[in-house]
């Protein structure tokens, strides 16, 4: 059973990004994933309209990499992260 769970986790991680562990330039990392490329295209459109966006990412490691990608792409001083590690009071302040 342990080997099956490990394989399912590996498949799930690959669906987040085909090479999430690879140290690549931001541009190469984005273009390596059709899903991430599409999200970045949508975010560019949202940014051009001056709107805000909320993005849900289940995979913790990808949350942190995504924040760095978005900060660099849109020259943002900060991007808020809310996940299970975020205490209640900072969550409320973010919204």
C-alpha atoms as a PDB file:
ATOM      1  CA  UNK A   1       0.000   0.000   0.000  1.00  0.00           C
ATOM      2  CA  UNK A   2       2.845   2.433   0.808  1.00  0.00           C
ATOM      3  CA  UNK A   3       4.293   2.130  -2.690  1.00  0.00           C
ATOM      4  CA  UNK A   4       0.896   2.876  -4.225  1.00  0.00           C
ATOM      5  CA  UNK A   5       0.456   6.009  -2.124  1.00  0.00           C
ATOM      6  CA  UNK A   6       3.949   7.150  -3.032  1.00  0.00           C
ATOM      7  CA  UNK A   7       3.158   6.668  -6.730  1.00  0.00           C
ATOM      8  CA  UNK A   8      -0.137   8.578  -6.410  1.00  0.00           C
ATOM      9  CA  UNK A   9       1.696  11.431  -4.671  1.00  0.00           C
ATOM     10  CA  UNK A  10       4.277  11.469  -7.478  1.00  0.00           C
ATOM     11  CA  UNK A  11       1.540  11.596 -10.127  1.00  0.00           C
ATOM     12  CA  UNK A  12      -0.261  14.373  -8.278  1.00  0.00           C
ATOM     13  CA  UNK A  13       2.931  16.397  -7.907  1.00  0.00           C
ATOM     14  CA  UNK A  14       3.587  16.008 -11.633  1.00  0.00           C
ATOM     15  CA  UNK A  15       0.151  17.394 -12.398  1.00  0.00           C
ATOM     16  CA  UNK A  16       1.041  20.550 -10.459  1.00  0.00           C
ATOM     17  CA  UNK A  17       4.151  21.050 -12.577  1.00  0.00           C
ATOM     18  CA  UNK A  18       6.115  18.485 -14.602  1.00  0.00           C
ATOM     19  CA  UNK A  19       9.409  19.543 -13.020  1.00  0.00           C
ATOM     20  CA  UNK A  20       8.470  21.414  -9.850  1.00  0.00           C
ATOM     21  CA  UNK A  21      11.755  20.400  -8.203  1.00  0.00           C
ATOM     22  CA  UNK A  22      13.954  21.663 -11.046  1.00  0.00           C
ATOM     23  CA  UNK A  23      15.962  24.831 -10.569  1.00  0.00           C
ATOM     24  CA  UNK A  24      15.079  26.760 -13.708  1.00  0.00           C
ATOM     25  CA  UNK A  25      14.806  30.365 -14.690  1.00  0.00           C
ATOM     26  CA  UNK A  26      11.363  31.835 -14.083  1.00  0.00           C
ATOM     27  CA  UNK A  27      10.557  31.930 -17.791  1.00  0.00           C
ATOM     28  CA  UNK A  28      11.660  28.322 -18.354  1.00  0.00           C
ATOM     29  CA  UNK A  29       9.731  27.173 -15.289  1.00  0.00           C
ATOM     30  CA  UNK A  30       6.556  28.859 -16.528  1.00  0.00           C
ATOM     31  CA  UNK A  31       6.799  27.580 -20.099  1.00  0.00           C
ATOM     32  CA  UNK A  32       7.485  24.012 -18.902  1.00  0.00           C
ATOM     33  CA  UNK A  33       3.898  23.799 -17.630  1.00  0.00           C
ATOM     34  CA  UNK A  34       0.875  24.440 -19.830  1.00  0.00           C
ATOM     35  CA  UNK A  35      -1.224  24.976 -16.720  1.00  0.00           C
ATOM     36  CA  UNK A  36       1.165  27.554 -15.264  1.00  0.00           C
ATOM     37  CA  UNK A  37       1.548  29.297 -18.632  1.00  0.00           C
ATOM     38  CA  UNK A  38      -2.229  29.635 -18.885  1.00  0.00           C
ATOM     39  CA  UNK A  39      -2.496  30.978 -15.324  1.00  0.00           C
ATOM     40  CA  UNK A  40       0.190  33.576 -15.985  1.00  0.00           C
ATOM     41  CA  UNK A  41      -1.608  34.676 -19.182  1.00  0.00           C
ATOM     42  CA  UNK A  42      -4.831  35.111 -17.216  1.00  0.00           C
ATOM     43  CA  UNK A  43      -3.005  37.022 -14.475  1.00  0.00           C
ATOM     44  CA  UNK A  44      -1.518  39.387 -17.066  1.00  0.00           C
ATOM     45  CA  UNK A  45      -5.032  40.169 -18.307  1.00  0.00           C
ATOM     46  CA  UNK A  46      -6.302  40.693 -14.757  1.00  0.00           C
ATOM     47  CA  UNK A  47      -3.327  42.940 -13.992  1.00  0.00           C
ATOM     48  CA  UNK A  48      -3.928  45.004 -17.132  1.00  0.00           C
ATOM     49  CA  UNK A  49      -7.468  45.683 -15.890  1.00  0.00           C
ATOM     50  CA  UNK A  50      -6.155  46.719 -12.463  1.00  0.00           C
ATOM     51  CA  UNK A  51      -8.071  43.975 -10.710  1.00  0.00           C
ATOM     52  CA  UNK A  52      -7.105  41.698  -7.845  1.00  0.00           C
ATOM     53  CA  UNK A  53      -7.101  37.925  -7.904  1.00  0.00           C
ATOM     54  CA  UNK A  54      -7.227  34.988  -5.521  1.00  0.00           C
ATOM     55  CA  UNK A  55      -5.372  31.851  -6.600  1.00  0.00           C
ATOM     56  CA  UNK A  56      -5.774  28.459  -4.930  1.00  0.00           C
ATOM     57  CA  UNK A  57      -2.761  26.128  -5.017  1.00  0.00           C
ATOM     58  CA  UNK A  58      -2.871  22.956  -2.964  1.00  0.00           C
ATOM     59  CA  UNK A  59       0.800  21.982  -3.270  1.00  0.00           C
ATOM     60  CA  UNK A  60       2.786  23.913  -0.623  1.00  0.00           C
ATOM     61  CA  UNK A  61       6.104  24.020  -2.467  1.00  0.00           C
ATOM     62  CA  UNK A  62       4.353  25.366  -5.544  1.00  0.00           C
ATOM     63  CA  UNK A  63       2.636  28.060  -3.433  1.00  0.00           C
ATOM     64  CA  UNK A  64       6.003  29.551  -2.520  1.00  0.00           C
ATOM     65  CA  UNK A  65       7.449  29.288  -6.044  1.00  0.00           C
ATOM     66  CA  UNK A  66       4.267  30.806  -7.503  1.00  0.00           C
ATOM     67  CA  UNK A  67       4.496  33.785  -5.150  1.00  0.00           C
ATOM     68  CA  UNK A  68       8.042  34.470  -6.289  1.00  0.00           C
ATOM     69  CA  UNK A  69       7.029  34.187  -9.951  1.00  0.00           C
ATOM     70  CA  UNK A  70       4.119  36.595  -9.487  1.00  0.00           C
ATOM     71  CA  UNK A  71       6.184  39.088  -7.486  1.00  0.00           C
ATOM     72  CA  UNK A  72       8.849  39.152 -10.209  1.00  0.00           C
ATOM     73  CA  UNK A  73       6.410  39.272 -13.144  1.00  0.00           C
ATOM     74  CA  UNK A  74       4.268  42.088 -11.762  1.00  0.00           C
ATOM     75  CA  UNK A  75       6.924  43.921  -9.708  1.00  0.00           C
ATOM     76  CA  UNK A  76       4.937  43.494  -6.496  1.00  0.00           C
ATOM     77  CA  UNK A  77       6.392  44.267  -3.081  1.00  0.00           C
ATOM     78  CA  UNK A  78       4.393  41.455  -1.511  1.00  0.00           C
ATOM     79  CA  UNK A  79       1.964  38.696  -2.312  1.00  0.00           C
ATOM     80  CA  UNK A  80      -0.097  37.371   0.585  1.00  0.00           C
ATOM     81  CA  UNK A  81      -0.141  33.660   1.303  1.00  0.00           C
ATOM     82  CA  UNK A  82      -2.912  32.054   3.286  1.00  0.00           C
ATOM     83  CA  UNK A  83      -2.732  28.338   3.988  1.00  0.00           C
ATOM     84  CA  UNK A  84      -3.152  25.979   6.920  1.00  0.00           C
ATOM     85  CA  UNK A  85       0.018  27.363   8.538  1.00  0.00           C
ATOM     86  CA  UNK A  86      -1.369  30.921   8.651  1.00  0.00           C
ATOM     87  CA  UNK A  87      -2.763  31.888  12.076  1.00  0.00           C
ATOM     88  CA  UNK A  88      -6.347  33.186  12.148  1.00  0.00           C
ATOM     89  CA  UNK A  89      -5.590  36.872  12.905  1.00  0.00           C
ATOM     90  CA  UNK A  90      -3.201  37.374   9.919  1.00  0.00           C
ATOM     91  CA  UNK A  91      -5.743  35.645   7.684  1.00  0.00           C
ATOM     92  CA  UNK A  92      -8.413  38.142   8.668  1.00  0.00           C
ATOM     93  CA  UNK A  93      -6.031  41.073   8.150  1.00  0.00           C
ATOM     94  CA  UNK A  94      -5.235  39.868   4.619  1.00  0.00           C
ATOM     95  CA  UNK A  95      -8.846  39.861   3.519  1.00  0.00           C
END
